[in-house]
PDB file of N, CA and C in Angstrom:
ATOM      1  N   UNK A   1       0.846  -1.184   0.000  1.00  0.00           N
ATOM      2  CA  UNK A   1       0.000   0.000   0.000  1.00  0.00           C
ATOM      3  C   UNK A   1       0.888   1.243   0.000  1.00  0.00           C
ATOM      4  N   UNK A   2       0.447   2.239  -0.704  1.00  0.00           N
ATOM      5  CA  UNK A   2       1.160   3.512  -0.761  1.00  0.00           C
ATOM      6  C   UNK A   2       0.224   4.602  -0.265  1.00  0.00           C
ATOM      7  N   UNK A   3       0.655   5.326   0.753  1.00  0.00           N
ATOM      8  CA  UNK A   3      -0.140   6.441   1.269  1.00  0.00           C
ATOM      9  C   UNK A   3       0.305   7.721   0.581  1.00  0.00           C
ATOM     10  N   UNK A   4      -0.647   8.454   0.060  1.00  0.00           N
ATOM     11  CA  UNK A   4      -0.370   9.727  -0.595  1.00  0.00           C
ATOM     12  C   UNK A   4      -0.736  10.827   0.396  1.00  0.00           C
ATOM     13  N   UNK A   5       0.255  11.627   0.785  1.00  0.00           N
ATOM     14  CA  UNK A   5       0.058  12.639   1.820  1.00  0.00           C
ATOM     15  C   UNK A   5       0.108  14.053   1.242  1.00  0.00           C
ATOM     16  N   UNK A   6      -0.469  14.978   1.987  1.00  0.00           N
ATOM     17  CA  UNK A   6      -0.446  16.392   1.609  1.00  0.00           C
ATOM     18  C   UNK A   6       0.955  16.957   1.832  1.00  0.00           C
ATOM     19  N   UNK A   7       1.461  17.657   0.838  1.00  0.00           N
ATOM     20  CA  UNK A   7       2.773  18.292   0.964  1.00  0.00           C
ATOM     21  C   UNK A   7       2.668  19.661   1.637  1.00  0.00           C
ATOM     22  N   UNK A   8       1.440  20.159   1.757  1.00  0.00           N
ATOM     23  CA  UNK A   8       1.194  21.478   2.332  1.00  0.00           C
ATOM     24  C   UNK A   8      -0.199  21.453   2.960  1.00  0.00           C
ATOM     25  N   UNK A   9      -0.421  22.250   3.970  1.00  0.00           N
ATOM     26  CA  UNK A   9      -1.768  22.314   4.544  1.00  0.00           C
ATOM     27  C   UNK A   9      -2.661  23.152   3.635  1.00  0.00           C
ATOM     28  N   UNK A  10      -3.940  22.830   3.634  1.00  0.00           N
ATOM     29  CA  UNK A  10      -4.881  23.558   2.797  1.00  0.00           C
ATOM     30  C   UNK A  10      -6.236  22.883   2.814  1.00  0.00           C
ATOM     31  N   UNK A  11      -7.090  23.283   1.896  1.00  0.00           N
ATOM     32  CA  UNK A  11      -8.431  22.708   1.779  1.00  0.00           C
ATOM     33  C   UNK A  11      -8.496  21.820   0.549  1.00  0.00           C
ATOM     34  N   UNK A  12      -9.243  20.731   0.667  1.00  0.00           N
ATOM     35  CA  UNK A  12      -9.449  19.850  -0.484  1.00  0.00           C
ATOM     36  C   UNK A  12     -10.449  20.550  -1.395  1.00  0.00           C
ATOM     37  N   UNK A  13      -9.978  20.969  -2.556  1.00  0.00           N
ATOM     38  CA  UNK A  13     -10.823  21.720  -3.479  1.00  0.00           C
ATOM     39  C   UNK A  13     -11.634  20.781  -4.359  1.00  0.00           C
ATOM     40  N   UNK A  14     -10.964  19.742  -4.913  1.00  0.00           N
ATOM     41  CA  UNK A  14     -11.671  18.825  -5.806  1.00  0.00           C
ATOM     42  C   UNK A  14     -11.002  17.455  -5.767  1.00  0.00           C
ATOM     43  N   UNK A  15     -11.807  16.410  -5.676  1.00  0.00           N
ATOM     44  CA  UNK A  15     -11.310  15.038  -5.718  1.00  0.00           C
ATOM     45  C   UNK A  15     -11.509  14.523  -7.151  1.00  0.00           C
ATOM     46  N   UNK A  16     -10.423  14.056  -7.751  1.00  0.00           N
ATOM     47  CA  UNK A  16     -10.426  13.650  -9.157  1.00  0.00           C
ATOM     48  C   UNK A  16     -10.465  12.133  -9.358  1.00  0.00           C
ATOM     49  N   UNK A  17     -10.627  11.369  -8.281  1.00  0.00           N
ATOM     50  CA  UNK A  17     -10.641   9.907  -8.396  1.00  0.00           C
ATOM     51  C   UNK A  17     -11.703   9.355  -7.452  1.00  0.00           C
ATOM     52  N   UNK A  18     -11.952   8.052  -7.593  1.00  0.00           N
ATOM     53  CA  UNK A  18     -12.868   7.382  -6.662  1.00  0.00           C
ATOM     54  C   UNK A  18     -12.295   6.018  -6.326  1.00  0.00           C
ATOM     55  N   UNK A  19     -12.764   5.431  -5.241  1.00  0.00           N
ATOM     56  CA  UNK A  19     -12.296   4.109  -4.815  1.00  0.00           C
ATOM     57  C   UNK A  19     -12.540   3.113  -5.950  1.00  0.00           C
ATOM     58  N   UNK A  20     -11.499   2.328  -6.235  1.00  0.00           N
ATOM     59  CA  UNK A  20     -11.588   1.334  -7.292  1.00  0.00           C
ATOM     60  C   UNK A  20     -10.975   1.777  -8.608  1.00  0.00           C
ATOM     61  N   UNK A  21     -10.722   3.086  -8.762  1.00  0.00           N
ATOM     62  CA  UNK A  21     -10.105   3.591  -9.990  1.00  0.00           C
ATOM     63  C   UNK A  21      -8.677   3.091 -10.133  1.00  0.00           C
ATOM     64  N   UNK A  22      -8.283   2.758 -11.358  1.00  0.00           N
ATOM     65  CA  UNK A  22      -6.884   2.488 -11.671  1.00  0.00           C
ATOM     66  C   UNK A  22      -6.253   3.818 -12.056  1.00  0.00           C
ATOM     67  N   UNK A  23      -5.085   4.109 -11.484  1.00  0.00           N
ATOM     68  CA  UNK A  23      -4.409   5.371 -11.773  1.00  0.00           C
ATOM     69  C   UNK A  23      -2.993   5.110 -12.251  1.00  0.00           C
ATOM     70  N   UNK A  24      -2.477   6.044 -13.023  1.00  0.00           N
ATOM     71  CA  UNK A  24      -1.113   5.975 -13.552  1.00  0.00           C
ATOM     72  C   UNK A  24      -0.209   6.901 -12.753  1.00  0.00           C
ATOM     73  N   UNK A  25       1.090   6.700 -12.889  1.00  0.00           N
ATOM     74  CA  UNK A  25       2.072   7.579 -12.253  1.00  0.00           C
ATOM     75  C   UNK A  25       1.802   9.019 -12.687  1.00  0.00           C
ATOM     76  N   UNK A  26       1.828   9.943 -11.748  1.00  0.00           N
ATOM     77  CA  UNK A  26       1.639  11.384 -11.950  1.00  0.00           C
ATOM     78  C   UNK A  26       0.214  11.785 -12.340  1.00  0.00           C
ATOM     79  N   UNK A  27      -0.733  10.854 -12.268  1.00  0.00           N
ATOM     80  CA  UNK A  27      -2.130  11.225 -12.499  1.00  0.00           C
ATOM     81  C   UNK A  27      -2.613  12.044 -11.307  1.00  0.00           C
ATOM     82  N   UNK A  28      -3.355  13.107 -11.568  1.00  0.00           N
ATOM     83  CA  UNK A  28      -3.868  13.962 -10.495  1.00  0.00           C
ATOM     84  C   UNK A  28      -4.980  13.215  -9.757  1.00  0.00           C
ATOM     85  N   UNK A  29      -4.799  13.077  -8.432  1.00  0.00           N
ATOM     86  CA  UNK A  29      -5.779  12.397  -7.589  1.00  0.00           C
ATOM     87  C   UNK A  29      -6.768  13.390  -6.989  1.00  0.00           C
ATOM     88  N   UNK A  30      -6.242  14.530  -6.580  1.00  0.00           N
ATOM     89  CA  UNK A  30      -7.086  15.588  -6.034  1.00  0.00           C
ATOM     90  C   UNK A  30      -6.343  16.909  -6.102  1.00  0.00           C
ATOM     91  N   UNK A  31      -7.074  17.974  -5.833  1.00  0.00           N
ATOM     92  CA  UNK A  31      -6.492  19.311  -5.876  1.00  0.00           C
ATOM     93  C   UNK A  31      -6.711  19.976  -4.526  1.00  0.00           C
ATOM     94  N   UNK A  32      -5.619  20.462  -3.953  1.00  0.00           N
ATOM     95  CA  UNK A  32      -5.679  21.234  -2.714  1.00  0.00           C
ATOM     96  C   UNK A  32      -5.660  22.712  -3.049  1.00  0.00           C
ATOM     97  N   UNK A  33      -6.284  23.508  -2.205  1.00  0.00           N
ATOM     98  CA  UNK A  33      -6.225  24.956  -2.336  1.00  0.00           C
ATOM     99  C   UNK A  33      -5.544  25.497  -1.088  1.00  0.00           C
ATOM    100  N   UNK A  34      -4.487  26.261  -1.318  1.00  0.00           N
ATOM    101  CA  UNK A  34      -3.746  26.849  -0.208  1.00  0.00           C
ATOM    102  C   UNK A  34      -3.216  28.206  -0.651  1.00  0.00           C
ATOM    103  N   UNK A  35      -3.430  29.198   0.166  1.00  0.00           N
ATOM    104  CA  UNK A  35      -2.979  30.557  -0.132  1.00  0.00           C
ATOM    105  C   UNK A  35      -3.454  31.011  -1.515  1.00  0.00           C
ATOM    106  N   UNK A  36      -4.712  30.662  -1.845  1.00  0.00           N
ATOM    107  CA  UNK A  36      -5.361  31.026  -3.104  1.00  0.00           C
ATOM    108  C   UNK A  36      -4.685  30.409  -4.324  1.00  0.00           C
ATOM    109  N   UNK A  37      -3.926  29.326  -4.100  1.00  0.00           N
ATOM    110  CA  UNK A  37      -3.294  28.603  -5.201  1.00  0.00           C
ATOM    111  C   UNK A  37      -3.868  27.193  -5.232  1.00  0.00           C
ATOM    112  N   UNK A  38      -3.996  26.629  -6.424  1.00  0.00           N
ATOM    113  CA  UNK A  38      -4.438  25.242  -6.580  1.00  0.00           C
ATOM    114  C   UNK A  38      -3.204  24.362  -6.719  1.00  0.00           C
ATOM    115  N   UNK A  39      -3.105  23.348  -5.855  1.00  0.00           N
ATOM    116  CA  UNK A  39      -1.953  22.453  -5.845  1.00  0.00           C
ATOM    117  C   UNK A  39      -2.428  21.044  -6.177  1.00  0.00           C
ATOM    118  N   UNK A  40      -2.052  20.507  -7.362  1.00  0.00           N
ATOM    119  CA  UNK A  40      -2.450  19.142  -7.695  1.00  0.00           C
ATOM    120  C   UNK A  40      -1.657  18.131  -6.872  1.00  0.00           C
ATOM    121  N   UNK A  41      -2.341  17.099  -6.412  1.00  0.00           N
ATOM    122  CA  UNK A  41      -1.698  15.994  -5.694  1.00  0.00           C
ATOM    123  C   UNK A  41      -1.710  14.816  -6.654  1.00  0.00           C
ATOM    124  N   UNK A  42      -0.512  14.349  -7.027  1.00  0.00           N
ATOM    125  CA  UNK A  42      -0.380  13.319  -8.050  1.00  0.00           C
ATOM    126  C   UNK A  42      -0.053  11.954  -7.446  1.00  0.00           C
ATOM    127  N   UNK A  43      -0.409  10.917  -8.164  1.00  0.00           N
ATOM    128  CA  UNK A  43      -0.079   9.551  -7.761  1.00  0.00           C
ATOM    129  C   UNK A  43       1.430   9.337  -7.908  1.00  0.00           C
ATOM    130  N   UNK A  44       2.096   8.853  -6.861  1.00  0.00           N
ATOM    131  CA  UNK A  44       3.531   8.602  -6.941  1.00  0.00           C
ATOM    132  C   UNK A  44       3.855   7.305  -7.688  1.00  0.00           C
ATOM    133  N   UNK A  45       2.825   6.468  -7.911  1.00  0.00           N
ATOM    134  CA  UNK A  45       3.015   5.187  -8.595  1.00  0.00           C
ATOM    135  C   UNK A  45       1.689   4.798  -9.235  1.00  0.00           C
ATOM    136  N   UNK A  46       1.755   3.834 -10.140  1.00  0.00           N
ATOM    137  CA  UNK A  46       0.530   3.289 -10.720  1.00  0.00           C
ATOM    138  C   UNK A  46      -0.111   2.362  -9.693  1.00  0.00           C
ATOM    139  N   UNK A  47      -1.423   2.277  -9.714  1.00  0.00           N
ATOM    140  CA  UNK A  47      -2.103   1.394  -8.775  1.00  0.00           C
ATOM    141  C   UNK A  47      -3.603   1.584  -8.810  1.00  0.00           C
ATOM    142  N   UNK A  48      -4.257   1.065  -7.784  1.00  0.00           N
ATOM    143  CA  UNK A  48      -5.706   1.158  -7.640  1.00  0.00           C
ATOM    144  C   UNK A  48      -6.016   1.936  -6.366  1.00  0.00           C
ATOM    145  N   UNK A  49      -6.965   2.861  -6.468  1.00  0.00           N
ATOM    146  CA  UNK A  49      -7.367   3.652  -5.299  1.00  0.00           C
ATOM    147  C   UNK A  49      -8.096   2.731  -4.325  1.00  0.00           C
ATOM    148  N   UNK A  50      -7.520   2.554  -3.125  1.00  0.00           N
ATOM    149  CA  UNK A  50      -8.119   1.705  -2.090  1.00  0.00           C
ATOM    150  C   UNK A  50      -8.986   2.515  -1.126  1.00  0.00           C
ATOM    151  N   UNK A  51      -8.497   3.708  -0.767  1.00  0.00           N
ATOM    152  CA  UNK A  51      -9.210   4.565   0.186  1.00  0.00           C
ATOM    153  C   UNK A  51      -9.025   6.022  -0.205  1.00  0.00           C
ATOM    154  N   UNK A  52     -10.042   6.815   0.051  1.00  0.00           N
ATOM    155  CA  UNK A  52      -9.939   8.273  -0.013  1.00  0.00           C
ATOM    156  C   UNK A  52     -10.305   8.740   1.386  1.00  0.00           C
ATOM    157  N   UNK A  53      -9.358   9.336   2.077  1.00  0.00           N
ATOM    158  CA  UNK A  53      -9.550   9.665   3.491  1.00  0.00           C
ATOM    159  C   UNK A  53      -9.990  11.101   3.750  1.00  0.00           C
ATOM    160  N   UNK A  54     -10.329  11.835   2.700  1.00  0.00           N
ATOM    161  CA  UNK A  54     -10.747  13.229   2.850  1.00  0.00           C
ATOM    162  C   UNK A  54     -12.006  13.476   2.030  1.00  0.00           C
ATOM    163  N   UNK A  55     -12.629  14.614   2.280  1.00  0.00           N
ATOM    164  CA  UNK A  55     -13.814  15.036   1.538  1.00  0.00           C
ATOM    165  C   UNK A  55     -13.562  16.416   0.953  1.00  0.00           C
ATOM    166  N   UNK A  56     -14.254  16.741  -0.127  1.00  0.00           N
ATOM    167  CA  UNK A  56     -14.136  18.077  -0.693  1.00  0.00           C
ATOM    168  C   UNK A  56     -14.551  19.104   0.352  1.00  0.00           C
ATOM    169  N   UNK A  57     -13.769  20.169   0.453  1.00  0.00           N
ATOM    170  CA  UNK A  57     -14.035  21.239   1.409  1.00  0.00           C
ATOM    171  C   UNK A  57     -13.349  21.050   2.747  1.00  0.00           C
ATOM    172  N   UNK A  58     -12.822  19.858   2.991  1.00  0.00           N
ATOM    173  CA  UNK A  58     -12.166  19.555   4.267  1.00  0.00           C
ATOM    174  C   UNK A  58     -10.785  20.213   4.331  1.00  0.00           C
ATOM    175  N   UNK A  59     -10.426  20.752   5.501  1.00  0.00           N
ATOM    176  CA  UNK A  59      -9.087  21.295   5.720  1.00  0.00           C
ATOM    177  C   UNK A  59      -8.172  20.148   6.139  1.00  0.00           C
ATOM    178  N   UNK A  60      -6.979  20.104   5.546  1.00  0.00           N
ATOM    179  CA  UNK A  60      -5.999  19.069   5.897  1.00  0.00           C
ATOM    180  C   UNK A  60      -4.679  19.724   6.288  1.00  0.00           C
ATOM    181  N   UNK A  61      -3.974  19.069   7.184  1.00  0.00           N
ATOM    182  CA  UNK A  61      -2.658  19.530   7.601  1.00  0.00           C
ATOM    183  C   UNK A  61      -1.582  18.912   6.726  1.00  0.00           C
ATOM    184  N   UNK A  62      -0.429  19.535   6.721  1.00  0.00           N
ATOM    185  CA  UNK A  62       0.723  18.983   6.014  1.00  0.00           C
ATOM    186  C   UNK A  62       0.986  17.565   6.520  1.00  0.00           C
ATOM    187  N   UNK A  63       1.302  16.656   5.635  1.00  0.00           N
ATOM    188  CA  UNK A  63       1.596  15.247   5.913  1.00  0.00           C
ATOM    189  C   UNK A  63       0.363  14.396   6.224  1.00  0.00           C
ATOM    190  N   UNK A  64      -0.831  14.962   6.153  1.00  0.00           N
ATOM    191  CA  UNK A  64      -2.048  14.165   6.355  1.00  0.00           C
ATOM    192  C   UNK A  64      -2.209  13.196   5.181  1.00  0.00           C
ATOM    193  N   UNK A  65      -2.588  11.956   5.474  1.00  0.00           N
ATOM    194  CA  UNK A  65      -2.807  10.961   4.402  1.00  0.00           C
ATOM    195  C   UNK A  65      -4.130  11.280   3.725  1.00  0.00           C
ATOM    196  N   UNK A  66      -4.073  11.449   2.396  1.00  0.00           N
ATOM    197  CA  UNK A  66      -5.243  11.818   1.620  1.00  0.00           C
ATOM    198  C   UNK A  66      -5.861  10.614   0.908  1.00  0.00           C
ATOM    199  N   UNK A  67      -4.991   9.813   0.288  1.00  0.00           N
ATOM    200  CA  UNK A  67      -5.423   8.686  -0.535  1.00  0.00           C
ATOM    201  C   UNK A  67      -4.504   7.509  -0.272  1.00  0.00           C
ATOM    202  N   UNK A  68      -5.040   6.290  -0.315  1.00  0.00           N
ATOM    203  CA  UNK A  68      -4.225   5.083  -0.199  1.00  0.00           C
ATOM    204  C   UNK A  68      -4.348   4.320  -1.520  1.00  0.00           C
ATOM    205  N   UNK A  69      -3.192   3.985  -2.099  1.00  0.00           N
ATOM    206  CA  UNK A  69      -3.135   3.238  -3.353  1.00  0.00           C
ATOM    207  C   UNK A  69      -2.608   1.832  -3.103  1.00  0.00           C
ATOM    208  N   UNK A  70      -3.114   0.880  -3.878  1.00  0.00           N
ATOM    209  CA  UNK A  70      -2.571  -0.482  -3.847  1.00  0.00           C
ATOM    210  C   UNK A  70      -1.860  -0.690  -5.176  1.00  0.00           C
ATOM    211  N   UNK A  71      -0.574  -1.064  -5.103  1.00  0.00           N
ATOM    212  CA  UNK A  71       0.214  -1.275  -6.318  1.00  0.00           C
ATOM    213  C   UNK A  71      -0.199  -2.556  -6.999  1.00  0.00           C
TER     214      UNK A  71
END
């Protein structure tokens, strides 16, 4: 399992995947909004989305686990 964490604190602006989706390396999983900037969160590896641990509009801290991928 690979945990995808937030590199910066912010709000979850948009979730671009759902549980069960197959994703490729560098595919955008979700978009964070911080300091009026949109920050894409990309898949570090190819795999299947096992869990999405956040909701749109939710505030997350730096290093919070956002998505779990299964290789």
